[in-house]
Amino acid sequence: MELSLIEIWESMGLLARLVAIALVLMGLASLAISIERLLVLRRINRESNLFAGKARTLIEAGELDALNDLAKGLPRNPLARLTVVGLATFAANARNAGLSAAEATRRELARKLEEYSGEARRGMSMLASVGSTAPFIGLFGTVIGIITAFQGIAASGGGGIGAVSAGIAEALIVTAVGLFVAIAAVLFFNYLSSRFDQLDMSMQHSAGELLDYLEGGANGSGDRDGQA
């Protein structure tokens, strides 16, 4: 006896169908999140490369106003947003008698780095949840399939293969779907996590370079004022 997927679906009970539908929806959600985050990463990397090349030239020339305007032109790019925050914080605390402008900027950049990192990783918790729960949901479907198989045995009054084939096939199909969804979600999660870690390191490095420049410029101005 050969069972097609349609025949297996038709033999499923309501609960088993709900389990299968839940697994398919979890898989589609994981795929949608992964594609959307990959597109976001691609856009961020493209904009960051363009911004970094122009920003380095402006920093070396000391044109901070032009750098600020350039950064404001990329409101969705975390590197550009960090630059705007760093310049604004340093300027706002330039004459602060308590906390130095460089230290205030360092603290604000650290807070913003965490915030922007969290924004970039939006949806990653969903991938982690799917990867960890899909096998158990598939296992639950397996239990339902085994119960269906035993019900078939009880209804037929015997233990022939025809009585249990539908239930066993149902159990194996649901288990396979659960494992497939979980494996795909975990692979996407690990790949995206490594890409986001690289993005975090890049932003930390860029924020450090900006802070070094601002701090060096402030020290240089202080030295010139003392000599005067």
Protein backbone atom coordinates (compact mmCIF):
# COMPACT_ATOMS: atom_id res chain seq x y z
CA MET A 1 0.00 0.00 0.00
CA GLU A 2 1.41 3.32 -1.06
CA LEU A 3 0.44 6.49 0.76
CA SER A 4 0.83 9.87 -0.89
CA LEU A 5 1.19 13.07 1.09
CA ILE A 6 -2.42 13.92 0.25
CA GLU A 7 -3.62 10.58 1.59
CA ILE A 8 -1.53 11.01 4.73
CA TRP A 9 -2.98 14.50 5.21
CA GLU A 10 -6.52 13.18 4.76
CA SER A 11 -5.88 10.43 7.31
CA MET A 12 -4.63 12.86 9.94
CA GLY A 13 -6.81 13.88 12.81
CA LEU A 14 -7.50 17.50 13.69
CA LEU A 15 -4.75 17.72 16.31
CA ALA A 16 -2.13 16.20 14.00
CA ARG A 17 -3.11 18.64 11.25
CA LEU A 18 -2.74 21.56 13.65
CA VAL A 19 0.74 20.35 14.57
CA ALA A 20 1.75 20.07 10.91
CA ILE A 21 0.34 23.51 10.11
CA ALA A 22 2.16 25.01 13.10
CA LEU A 23 5.46 23.53 11.91
CA VAL A 24 4.98 24.84 8.38
CA LEU A 25 4.14 28.31 9.68
CA MET A 26 7.22 28.24 11.94
CA GLY A 27 9.35 27.30 8.95
CA LEU A 28 7.92 30.09 6.81
CA ALA A 29 8.40 32.61 9.62
CA SER A 30 12.04 31.54 10.04
CA LEU A 31 12.64 31.84 6.31
CA ALA A 32 11.03 35.29 6.15
CA ILE A 33 13.05 36.57 9.11
CA SER A 34 16.29 35.16 7.70
CA ILE A 35 15.77 36.72 4.27
CA GLU A 36 14.77 40.07 5.77
CA ARG A 37 17.82 40.16 8.07
CA LEU A 38 20.12 39.17 5.21
CA LEU A 39 18.78 42.05 3.14
CA VAL A 40 19.27 44.40 6.10
CA LEU A 41 22.85 43.23 6.52
CA ARG A 42 23.51 43.70 2.82
CA ARG A 43 22.17 47.25 2.93
CA ILE A 44 24.11 48.10 6.08
CA ASN A 45 27.37 46.78 4.65
CA ARG A 46 26.90 48.64 1.37
CA GLU A 47 26.07 51.93 3.06
CA SER A 48 28.79 51.50 5.68
CA ASN A 49 31.48 50.93 3.06
CA LEU A 50 30.45 54.06 1.18
CA PHE A 51 30.17 56.11 4.36
CA ALA A 52 33.48 54.90 5.81
CA GLY A 53 35.40 55.86 2.67
CA LYS A 54 34.00 59.38 2.59
CA ALA A 55 34.10 59.83 6.36
CA ARG A 56 37.79 58.98 6.62
CA THR A 57 38.63 61.69 4.10
CA LEU A 58 36.53 64.26 5.97
CA ILE A 59 38.03 63.31 9.35
CA GLU A 60 41.57 63.63 8.01
CA ALA A 61 40.65 67.05 6.65
CA GLY A 62 39.04 68.05 9.95
CA GLU A 63 35.70 68.84 8.30
CA LEU A 64 33.41 67.72 11.11
CA ASP A 65 30.41 69.71 9.90
CA ALA A 66 30.56 67.99 6.53
CA LEU A 67 31.00 64.65 8.28
CA ASN A 68 27.91 65.32 10.39
CA ASP A 69 25.88 66.23 7.28
CA LEU A 70 27.08 63.08 5.53
CA ALA A 71 26.10 60.91 8.49
CA LYS A 72 22.66 62.50 8.76
CA GLY A 73 22.05 61.54 5.16
CA LEU A 74 22.04 57.86 6.19
CA PRO A 75 19.46 57.75 9.01
CA ARG A 76 19.06 53.96 8.91
CA ASN A 77 22.75 53.09 8.95
CA PRO A 78 24.07 52.28 12.46
CA LEU A 79 27.59 53.49 11.69
CA ALA A 80 26.32 56.86 10.46
CA ARG A 81 23.98 57.13 13.45
CA LEU A 82 26.90 56.45 15.81
CA THR A 83 28.85 59.22 14.13
CA VAL A 84 26.01 61.70 14.59
CA VAL A 85 25.64 60.72 18.26
CA GLY A 86 29.37 60.94 18.89
CA LEU A 87 29.75 64.37 17.32
CA ALA A 88 26.64 65.74 19.06
CA THR A 89 27.60 64.36 22.47
CA PHE A 90 31.15 65.65 22.25
CA ALA A 91 29.97 69.12 21.21
CA ALA A 92 27.33 69.21 23.97
CA ASN A 93 29.88 68.33 26.67
CA ALA A 94 32.80 70.36 25.35
CA ARG A 95 32.52 72.88 28.20
CA ASN A 96 31.30 70.50 30.89
CA ALA A 97 33.31 71.19 34.03
CA GLY A 98 32.50 67.80 35.56
CA LEU A 99 32.67 64.92 33.11
CA SER A 100 35.08 65.35 30.21
CA ALA A 101 33.62 65.50 26.71
CA ALA A 102 35.60 62.43 25.64
CA GLU A 103 34.37 60.34 28.58
CA ALA A 104 30.77 61.45 28.08
CA THR A 105 31.03 60.55 24.39
CA ARG A 106 32.55 57.16 25.21
CA ARG A 107 29.68 56.30 27.55
CA GLU A 108 27.02 57.46 25.12
CA LEU A 109 28.58 55.55 22.25
CA ALA A 110 28.69 52.40 24.39
CA ARG A 111 24.98 52.74 25.14
CA LYS A 112 24.14 53.36 21.50
CA LEU A 113 26.24 50.41 20.38
CA GLU A 114 24.11 48.11 22.52
CA GLU A 115 20.91 49.72 21.26
CA TYR A 116 21.84 49.49 17.58
CA SER A 117 23.09 45.94 18.00
CA GLY A 118 19.73 44.98 19.48
CA GLU A 119 17.92 46.65 16.58
CA ALA A 120 20.04 44.81 14.02
CA ARG A 121 19.35 41.46 15.71
CA ARG A 122 15.58 41.96 15.70
CA GLY A 123 13.87 38.64 14.98
CA MET A 124 16.83 36.51 16.03
CA SER A 125 14.99 35.38 19.17
CA MET A 126 12.28 33.97 16.91
CA LEU A 127 14.85 31.90 15.03
CA ALA A 128 16.27 30.63 18.31
CA SER A 129 12.81 29.72 19.57
CA VAL A 130 11.94 27.84 16.38
CA GLY A 131 15.24 25.98 16.43
CA SER A 132 14.72 24.85 20.01
CA THR A 133 10.99 24.05 19.97
CA ALA A 134 10.35 22.62 16.49
CA PRO A 135 11.82 19.17 17.33
CA PHE A 136 9.58 18.90 20.39
CA ILE A 137 6.53 19.94 18.40
CA GLY A 138 7.47 17.29 15.82
CA LEU A 139 7.84 14.79 18.65
CA PHE A 140 4.36 15.72 19.83
CA GLY A 141 3.12 15.01 16.31
CA THR A 142 4.88 11.65 16.48
CA VAL A 143 3.00 10.77 19.65
CA ILE A 144 -0.27 11.74 17.96
CA GLY A 145 0.64 9.54 14.98
CA ILE A 146 1.42 6.56 17.21
CA ILE A 147 -1.90 7.01 18.98
CA THR A 148 -3.61 7.05 15.59
CA ALA A 149 -1.81 3.84 14.67
CA PHE A 150 -2.99 2.07 17.80
CA GLN A 151 -6.50 3.32 17.19
CA GLY A 152 -6.30 1.75 13.73
CA ILE A 153 -5.24 -1.54 15.28
CA ALA A 154 -8.10 -1.39 17.76
CA ALA A 155 -10.63 -0.52 15.07
CA SER A 156 -9.55 -3.33 12.75
CA GLY A 157 -9.18 -5.87 15.50
CA GLY A 158 -5.75 -6.90 14.28
CA GLY A 159 -2.22 -5.69 13.86
CA GLY A 160 -1.80 -5.83 10.09
CA ILE A 161 0.35 -3.30 8.28
CA GLY A 162 -2.69 -1.76 6.65
CA ALA A 163 -4.13 -0.86 10.03
CA VAL A 164 -1.07 1.02 11.23
CA SER A 165 0.57 2.31 8.05
CA ALA A 166 -1.30 5.60 7.98
CA GLY A 167 -0.53 6.38 11.62
CA ILE A 168 3.15 5.46 11.30
CA ALA A 169 3.52 7.51 8.11
CA GLU A 170 1.81 10.44 9.81
CA ALA A 171 4.19 10.19 12.77
CA LEU A 172 7.30 10.02 10.59
CA ILE A 173 6.23 12.86 8.30
CA VAL A 174 5.54 15.23 11.19
CA THR A 175 8.81 14.30 12.87
CA ALA A 176 10.73 14.88 9.65
CA VAL A 177 9.10 18.29 9.15
CA GLY A 178 9.92 19.29 12.73
CA LEU A 179 13.58 18.29 12.34
CA PHE A 180 13.88 20.05 8.97
CA VAL A 181 12.42 23.29 10.34
CA ALA A 182 14.64 23.15 13.43
CA ILE A 183 17.85 22.43 11.51
CA ALA A 184 17.17 25.23 9.01
CA ALA A 185 16.39 27.71 11.81
CA VAL A 186 19.56 26.82 13.73
CA LEU A 187 21.74 27.13 10.62
CA PHE A 188 20.26 30.53 9.77
CA PHE A 189 20.62 31.65 13.39
CA ASN A 190 24.29 30.67 13.59
CA TYR A 191 25.13 32.27 10.25
CA LEU A 192 23.32 35.51 11.03
CA SER A 193 24.82 35.64 14.53
CA SER A 194 28.34 35.48 13.08
CA ARG A 195 27.50 38.25 10.60
CA PHE A 196 26.04 40.43 13.36
CA ASP A 197 29.11 39.81 15.52
CA GLN A 198 31.26 41.09 12.65
CA LEU A 199 28.99 44.13 12.36
CA ASP A 200 29.33 44.82 16.10
CA MET A 201 33.11 44.63 15.89
CA SER A 202 33.12 46.97 12.90
CA MET A 203 30.95 49.51 14.73
CA GLN A 204 33.08 49.30 17.87
CA HIS A 205 36.23 49.85 15.83
CA SER A 206 34.71 52.83 14.00
CA ALA A 207 33.38 54.34 17.23
CA GLY A 208 36.82 53.98 18.78
CA GLU A 209 38.48 55.71 15.84
CA LEU A 210 36.01 58.60 16.03
CA LEU A 211 36.52 58.94 19.76
CA ASP A 212 40.30 58.88 19.38
CA TYR A 213 40.09 61.66 16.83
CA LEU A 214 37.75 63.78 18.94
CA GLU A 215 39.81 63.22 22.08
CA GLY A 216 43.04 63.99 20.25
CA GLY A 217 41.53 67.15 18.80
CA ALA A 218 40.35 68.24 22.23
CA ASN A 219 43.75 67.62 23.76
CA GLY A 220 45.41 69.48 20.94
CA SER A 221 43.11 72.44 21.44
CA GLY A 222 43.81 72.37 25.16
CA ASP A 223 47.55 72.38 24.58
CA ARG A 224 47.29 75.32 22.23
CA ASP A 225 45.14 77.24 24.70
CA GLY A 226 47.66 76.58 27.49
CA GLN A 227 50.51 77.79 25.37
CA ALA A 228 48.61 80.91 24.48
